[in-house]
Amino acid sequence: MKLGDRIPKEIFNELKPSKEPDFPYLEDLGSKVNENVQVIAKVTSRKLQEARDQKKFLLMTLSDKTGSIRAIDWYNADENFLKINDGDVVVARGRIVYFEDHIQLNLEKSADSIKNLNDSEYDFRRFLEVTSRDIDKMYEKLIVFVKEISDSDLKKLLEKIFIEDTEFVKLFVQCPAGVSVHHAYIGGLLEHTVDVVSSCKKIWQVYDSMLNKDLLLAGAMIHDIGKVREYRVTQKGFEVTTEGELKGHIVLGVEAIREVAYKIGLTGSKLLHLEHIILSHHGEIEWGSPVVPKTAEAFVIHSLENMDAKLARFRYLQEKGKKNGNEKIWTDYDRHLQRRLWLGGQENED
């Protein structure tokens, strides 16, 4: 079964890619210290503050898909604070400097050193990455997994979600698996889900005597579906919805499964097991799960989805570290993985 031309091309038509001046991405500004630049970025945060001499300044964080930078406006703080809002896409002009071991953009003195842009004035690809894999083929692979389920109740549930609910499918195939840490790109949730199910199939071949294959694969397919309601794809990038902020994807996932299950008459231990898989897939209370995995299937899904998320982070950092012929031996420290990664190079020894 294929998605057809409507998905995901429709996504890009709605987002309206457009031509824009050749402004640098934020990750490239480290090579432009003491240079005047223009950047297109999203205002992640802004604060009006006072220096020790009581002079007001505007402190901002600007971001694009490659990273973020601190920006300071010493000249038009009040005016620009009122002119821009969090979430606005702006073009900002200023000078790149080093401050407190980080690069910083000091805005120019002119009144138009920062200005808002409408959707037609910038390309959404400045803020949105897209999976490098074929979305159509990944979706076909997911449907093959659904067809492999032997349990009629579980198969009916999965067909209702991943085949018959076309609006859900449209959202699912474009949704990221995260907004920053892992699989933070269009198609990221589909990619993450397919890889976790694939890993579960291989693990079942080793532990087939103690794992229920249908529950394992079904749980792997639905463990993150709450993210479809947690995240929203916009021209400005990925955003967390209001119900995503207030409930989180774990609760939203349980709600979604219950809604479909009750429609098809699925109750009892099968539904309870699937709900437990969703509730426990983060693995630990301190990692966001209201309960730890208490079945073999739930434990396997937590372990493999955690591994897939971390390996995706490894891949992102390694690709970033080797970008543009970079000869770095180690990545910078990553707070999510709590380590630096070796890029495979060798230090010169005397």
Protein backbone atom coordinates (compact mmCIF):
# COMPACT_ATOMS: atom_id res chain seq x y z
CA MET A 1 0.00 0.00 0.00
CA LYS A 2 1.39 3.37 -1.02
CA LEU A 3 0.72 6.85 0.22
CA GLY A 4 0.36 8.21 -3.30
CA ASP A 5 1.25 11.67 -4.52
CA ARG A 6 -0.93 13.44 -1.95
CA ILE A 7 1.47 12.63 0.86
CA PRO A 8 4.04 13.96 1.57
CA LYS A 9 4.19 16.37 -1.40
CA GLU A 10 1.10 18.07 -0.03
CA ILE A 11 3.07 18.98 3.07
CA PHE A 12 5.57 21.00 1.08
CA ASN A 13 2.85 22.67 -0.98
CA GLU A 14 1.17 23.84 2.21
CA LEU A 15 4.44 25.10 3.68
CA LYS A 16 5.20 27.19 0.58
CA PRO A 17 8.95 26.99 -0.05
CA SER A 18 10.27 30.27 -1.40
CA LYS A 19 13.48 31.86 -2.57
CA GLU A 20 15.35 34.05 -0.15
CA PRO A 21 18.69 35.88 -0.05
CA ASP A 22 21.71 33.69 0.62
CA PHE A 23 21.92 34.31 4.36
CA PRO A 24 24.17 32.05 6.47
CA TYR A 25 22.80 29.39 8.78
CA LEU A 26 23.49 29.93 12.46
CA GLU A 27 25.92 27.02 12.69
CA ASP A 28 28.17 28.82 10.19
CA LEU A 29 28.53 32.03 12.19
CA GLY A 30 31.51 30.76 14.19
CA SER A 31 33.71 31.49 11.17
CA LYS A 32 32.42 35.08 10.94
CA VAL A 33 33.63 36.55 14.24
CA ASN A 34 34.15 40.32 13.97
CA GLU A 35 32.19 40.39 10.72
CA ASN A 36 28.88 42.12 9.99
CA VAL A 37 26.19 39.63 8.98
CA GLN A 38 22.50 39.29 8.20
CA VAL A 39 20.64 36.21 9.45
CA ILE A 40 17.15 34.81 9.13
CA ALA A 41 16.06 33.12 12.35
CA LYS A 42 13.16 32.42 14.68
CA VAL A 43 12.90 34.34 17.95
CA THR A 44 12.95 31.56 20.55
CA SER A 45 12.91 33.94 23.51
CA ARG A 46 13.28 37.63 24.29
CA LYS A 47 13.79 39.57 27.54
CA LEU A 48 14.00 43.28 28.23
CA GLN A 49 16.70 43.82 30.84
CA GLU A 50 18.77 46.55 32.48
CA ALA A 51 22.53 46.79 32.75
CA ARG A 52 24.27 48.01 35.91
CA ASP A 53 24.14 51.57 34.60
CA GLN A 54 20.35 51.12 34.21
CA LYS A 55 20.61 51.18 30.43
CA LYS A 56 18.01 48.88 28.90
CA PHE A 57 18.97 46.14 26.47
CA LEU A 58 17.05 43.43 24.65
CA LEU A 59 18.36 39.89 25.12
CA MET A 60 17.16 37.37 22.54
CA THR A 61 17.74 33.79 21.51
CA LEU A 62 17.54 33.25 17.76
CA SER A 63 17.37 29.79 16.21
CA ASP A 64 17.16 27.85 12.97
CA LYS A 65 17.43 24.13 12.21
CA THR A 66 21.20 24.19 12.72
CA GLY A 67 21.32 25.72 16.17
CA SER A 68 20.82 28.90 18.15
CA ILE A 69 22.64 32.11 19.02
CA ARG A 70 22.29 34.85 21.61
CA ALA A 71 21.53 38.30 20.22
CA ILE A 72 21.77 41.67 22.00
CA ASP A 73 20.16 44.98 21.07
CA TRP A 74 21.69 47.93 22.96
CA TYR A 75 20.14 50.67 20.85
CA ASN A 76 16.42 50.07 20.26
CA ALA A 77 15.54 47.74 23.12
CA ASP A 78 12.08 49.09 23.97
CA GLU A 79 10.96 49.51 20.38
CA ASN A 80 12.11 46.08 19.23
CA PHE A 81 10.74 44.34 22.32
CA LEU A 82 7.29 45.61 21.33
CA LYS A 83 7.83 44.96 17.63
CA ILE A 84 8.70 41.26 17.82
CA ASN A 85 7.24 38.30 19.70
CA ASP A 86 8.45 34.83 20.64
CA GLY A 87 8.01 32.58 17.61
CA ASP A 88 8.39 35.35 15.01
CA VAL A 89 10.72 34.80 12.08
CA VAL A 90 12.99 37.82 11.64
CA VAL A 91 15.92 39.09 9.64
CA ALA A 92 18.56 40.55 11.96
CA ARG A 93 21.66 42.58 11.11
CA GLY A 94 24.67 42.99 13.34
CA ARG A 95 28.20 42.00 14.23
CA ILE A 96 29.36 38.58 15.39
CA VAL A 97 31.51 38.71 18.53
CA TYR A 98 32.76 36.32 21.19
CA PHE A 99 31.27 36.77 24.67
CA GLU A 100 31.62 34.36 27.59
CA ASP A 101 33.08 31.67 25.32
CA HIS A 102 30.12 31.79 22.92
CA ILE A 103 29.47 33.67 19.73
CA GLN A 104 26.93 36.45 19.99
CA LEU A 105 25.15 38.75 17.55
CA ASN A 106 25.28 42.43 18.53
CA LEU A 107 22.55 44.20 16.57
CA GLU A 108 23.29 47.34 14.61
CA LYS A 109 22.25 50.79 15.80
CA SER A 110 19.74 51.36 12.99
CA ALA A 111 16.03 51.12 13.78
CA ASP A 112 15.55 48.37 11.18
CA SER A 113 18.35 46.14 12.48
CA ILE A 114 15.68 43.52 13.13
CA LYS A 115 12.37 43.14 11.34
CA ASN A 116 9.61 40.57 11.05
CA LEU A 117 9.20 38.41 7.96
CA ASN A 118 5.96 36.94 6.66
CA ASP A 119 5.74 33.35 5.42
CA SER A 120 6.40 34.26 1.79
CA GLU A 121 9.70 35.97 2.64
CA TYR A 122 11.64 32.92 3.81
CA ASP A 123 12.04 29.25 2.97
CA PHE A 124 10.58 26.80 5.52
CA ARG A 125 13.58 24.54 4.89
CA ARG A 126 15.63 26.98 6.97
CA PHE A 127 13.73 25.62 9.98
CA LEU A 128 12.67 22.11 8.95
CA GLU A 129 14.79 19.08 8.13
CA VAL A 130 13.33 16.19 6.14
CA THR A 131 14.24 12.52 6.54
CA SER A 132 16.81 11.30 4.03
CA ARG A 133 14.85 8.06 3.63
CA ASP A 134 11.91 7.43 1.31
CA ILE A 135 8.70 8.16 3.24
CA ASP A 136 6.58 6.12 0.85
CA LYS A 137 8.79 3.03 1.25
CA MET A 138 8.87 3.36 5.03
CA TYR A 139 5.09 3.56 5.14
CA GLU A 140 4.83 0.45 2.92
CA LYS A 141 7.14 -1.36 5.35
CA LEU A 142 4.96 -0.33 8.28
CA ILE A 143 1.86 -1.74 6.55
CA VAL A 144 3.72 -5.02 5.94
CA PHE A 145 4.27 -5.18 9.70
CA VAL A 146 0.56 -4.64 10.28
CA LYS A 147 -0.33 -7.47 7.87
CA GLU A 148 2.06 -9.82 9.68
CA ILE A 149 0.05 -9.60 12.92
CA SER A 150 -1.79 -12.88 13.54
CA ASP A 151 -4.04 -11.77 16.39
CA SER A 152 -7.28 -10.58 14.77
CA ASP A 153 -8.05 -8.01 17.48
CA LEU A 154 -4.63 -6.40 17.33
CA LYS A 155 -4.58 -6.45 13.54
CA LYS A 156 -7.98 -4.73 13.40
CA LEU A 157 -6.77 -2.07 15.82
CA LEU A 158 -3.63 -1.37 13.77
CA GLU A 159 -5.54 -1.30 10.49
CA LYS A 160 -7.97 1.25 11.92
CA ILE A 161 -5.05 3.47 12.92
CA PHE A 162 -2.44 3.08 10.19
CA ILE A 163 -4.59 2.32 7.12
CA GLU A 164 -8.19 3.48 7.50
CA ASP A 165 -7.62 6.75 9.35
CA THR A 166 -6.18 8.77 6.45
CA GLU A 167 -6.03 12.03 8.43
CA PHE A 168 -3.98 10.31 11.14
CA VAL A 169 -1.69 8.78 8.50
CA LYS A 170 -1.06 12.18 6.94
CA LEU A 171 -0.03 13.60 10.32
CA PHE A 172 1.95 10.50 11.31
CA VAL A 173 4.17 10.38 8.22
CA GLN A 174 5.18 14.03 8.53
CA CYS A 175 5.50 14.20 12.33
CA PRO A 176 8.95 14.41 13.94
CA ALA A 177 9.83 12.04 16.77
CA GLY A 178 11.13 15.05 18.72
CA VAL A 179 11.62 18.76 18.27
CA SER A 180 15.34 18.82 19.05
CA VAL A 181 16.91 15.68 20.54
CA HIS A 182 16.35 12.85 18.04
CA HIS A 183 14.62 12.33 14.69
CA ALA A 184 13.74 16.04 14.69
CA TYR A 185 12.69 16.20 11.07
CA ILE A 186 9.71 15.57 8.81
CA GLY A 187 9.23 11.80 8.67
CA GLY A 188 11.17 11.31 11.91
CA LEU A 189 8.36 9.55 13.80
CA LEU A 190 7.72 7.14 10.92
CA GLU A 191 11.44 6.40 10.64
CA HIS A 192 11.80 5.84 14.39
CA THR A 193 8.73 3.60 14.52
CA VAL A 194 9.77 1.43 11.57
CA ASP A 195 13.26 0.96 13.00
CA VAL A 196 11.98 0.05 16.47
CA VAL A 197 9.55 -2.52 15.02
CA SER A 198 12.34 -3.95 12.85
CA SER A 199 14.57 -4.32 15.92
CA CYS A 200 11.74 -5.94 17.88
CA LYS A 201 11.30 -8.55 15.16
CA LYS A 202 14.97 -9.47 15.40
CA ILE A 203 14.89 -9.65 19.20
CA TRP A 204 11.81 -11.89 19.07
CA GLN A 205 13.77 -14.38 16.95
CA VAL A 206 16.18 -14.76 19.87
CA TYR A 207 13.64 -14.70 22.73
CA ASP A 208 10.60 -16.19 20.98
CA SER A 209 9.82 -18.53 23.86
CA MET A 210 9.16 -15.65 26.29
CA LEU A 211 7.84 -12.85 24.05
CA ASN A 212 4.36 -12.53 22.53
CA LYS A 213 5.28 -11.49 18.99
CA ASP A 214 1.96 -9.83 18.14
CA LEU A 215 1.87 -7.77 21.33
CA LEU A 216 5.54 -6.87 20.90
CA LEU A 217 5.17 -5.63 17.31
CA ALA A 218 1.82 -3.94 17.92
CA GLY A 219 3.23 -2.17 20.97
CA ALA A 220 6.27 -1.02 19.02
CA MET A 221 4.03 0.42 16.32
CA ILE A 222 1.84 2.41 18.69
CA HIS A 223 4.27 3.37 21.48
CA ASP A 224 4.76 6.95 20.22
CA ILE A 225 1.50 7.72 18.41
CA GLY A 226 0.64 10.41 20.95
CA LYS A 227 3.31 12.56 19.31
CA VAL A 228 0.93 13.14 16.39
CA ARG A 229 -1.12 15.28 18.82
CA GLU A 230 1.89 16.57 20.77
CA TYR A 231 3.71 18.17 17.82
CA ARG A 232 2.64 20.44 14.98
CA VAL A 233 4.50 21.17 11.74
CA THR A 234 4.45 24.83 10.76
CA GLN A 235 6.26 27.13 8.36
CA LYS A 236 8.38 28.26 11.33
CA GLY A 237 9.40 24.76 12.38
CA PHE A 238 8.12 22.15 14.82
CA GLU A 239 5.99 23.37 17.70
CA VAL A 240 4.48 21.70 20.75
CA THR A 241 0.69 21.90 20.84
CA THR A 242 -1.24 23.12 23.87
CA GLU A 243 -2.49 19.62 24.72
CA GLY A 244 1.04 18.35 24.12
CA GLU A 245 2.34 20.77 26.74
CA LEU A 246 -0.45 20.00 29.20
CA LYS A 247 -0.65 16.22 28.78
CA GLY A 248 2.42 14.94 26.93
CA HIS A 249 2.55 12.22 24.27
CA ILE A 250 2.35 9.32 26.74
CA VAL A 251 -1.09 10.33 28.01
CA LEU A 252 -2.19 11.36 24.52
CA GLY A 253 -1.11 7.97 23.18
CA VAL A 254 -3.14 6.07 25.77
CA GLU A 255 -6.16 8.24 25.00
CA ALA A 256 -5.80 7.58 21.26
CA ILE A 257 -5.52 3.81 21.70
CA ARG A 258 -8.51 3.66 24.02
CA GLU A 259 -10.63 5.63 21.59
CA VAL A 260 -9.94 3.23 18.73
CA ALA A 261 -10.08 0.13 20.93
CA TYR A 262 -13.54 0.96 22.26
CA LYS A 263 -14.83 1.52 18.73
CA ILE A 264 -13.85 -1.99 17.70
CA GLY A 265 -14.74 -3.64 21.01
CA LEU A 266 -11.19 -4.38 22.14
CA THR A 267 -11.04 -4.55 25.93
CA GLY A 268 -9.44 -6.72 28.61
CA SER A 269 -5.84 -7.82 28.94
CA LYS A 270 -4.77 -7.05 25.36
CA LEU A 271 -5.75 -3.40 25.66
CA LEU A 272 -4.27 -3.22 29.15
CA HIS A 273 -0.97 -4.60 27.88
CA LEU A 274 -0.82 -2.08 25.02
CA GLU A 275 -1.61 0.77 27.42
CA HIS A 276 1.18 -0.41 29.72
CA ILE A 277 3.65 -0.43 26.83
CA ILE A 278 2.82 3.20 26.04
CA LEU A 279 2.88 4.25 29.69
CA SER A 280 6.22 2.59 30.42
CA HIS A 281 8.19 3.08 27.21
CA HIS A 282 10.40 5.84 28.69
CA GLY A 283 11.60 3.21 31.13
CA GLU A 284 12.00 5.14 34.36
CA ILE A 285 9.85 7.45 36.47
CA GLU A 286 12.49 10.19 36.28
CA TRP A 287 12.49 9.90 32.47
CA GLY A 288 8.79 10.66 32.22
CA SER A 289 7.09 7.28 32.47
CA PRO A 290 4.36 7.05 35.13
CA VAL A 291 5.26 3.38 35.54
CA VAL A 292 8.33 1.27 34.78
CA PRO A 293 8.12 -1.66 32.32
CA LYS A 294 6.59 -4.67 34.08
CA THR A 295 6.22 -7.08 31.16
CA ALA A 296 8.90 -8.56 28.95
CA GLU A 297 7.39 -6.92 25.85
CA ALA A 298 7.27 -3.49 27.50
CA PHE A 299 10.88 -3.84 28.65
CA VAL A 300 12.08 -4.78 25.16
CA ILE A 301 10.23 -1.90 23.54
CA HIS A 302 11.63 0.59 26.04
CA SER A 303 15.16 -0.73 25.55
CA LEU A 304 15.03 -0.71 21.75
CA GLU A 305 13.25 2.63 21.34
CA ASN A 306 15.74 4.19 23.76
CA MET A 307 18.61 2.68 21.81
CA ASP A 308 17.18 3.91 18.50
CA ALA A 309 16.73 7.44 19.85
CA LYS A 310 20.28 7.54 21.19
CA LEU A 311 21.80 6.10 18.02
CA ALA A 312 19.93 8.74 16.02
CA ARG A 313 21.57 11.34 18.26
CA PHE A 314 24.95 9.66 17.69
CA ARG A 315 24.38 9.83 13.94
CA TYR A 316 23.38 13.50 14.04
CA LEU A 317 26.42 14.52 16.11
CA GLN A 318 28.83 12.46 14.02
CA GLU A 319 27.50 13.91 10.77
CA LYS A 320 27.66 17.40 12.22
CA GLY A 321 31.20 16.82 13.51
CA LYS A 322 32.45 15.66 10.11
CA LYS A 323 30.60 18.30 8.11
CA ASN A 324 32.50 20.28 5.48
CA GLY A 325 35.68 18.26 5.83
CA ASN A 326 35.99 19.06 9.51
CA GLU A 327 38.99 17.21 10.98
CA LYS A 328 37.83 17.26 14.59
CA ILE A 329 38.59 14.13 16.58
CA TRP A 330 35.83 14.59 19.16
CA THR A 331 32.41 16.22 19.13
CA ASP A 332 31.55 18.88 21.65
CA TYR A 333 30.01 17.62 24.89
CA ASP A 334 26.37 16.68 24.32
CA ARG A 335 24.11 17.23 27.33
CA HIS A 336 21.51 14.74 26.07
CA LEU A 337 23.97 11.86 25.77
CA GLN A 338 26.12 13.26 28.61
CA ARG A 339 29.35 12.61 26.75
CA ARG A 340 31.54 13.58 23.82
CA LEU A 341 31.70 11.25 20.82
CA TRP A 342 34.83 10.04 19.11
CA LEU A 343 34.76 10.81 15.39
CA GLY A 344 37.28 8.14 14.50
CA GLY A 345 40.33 10.36 14.06
CA GLN A 346 43.70 9.95 15.74
CA GLU A 347 45.64 12.59 17.60
CA ASN A 348 49.18 13.15 16.43
CA GLU A 349 51.67 11.73 18.87
CA ASP A 350 55.26 12.83 19.16
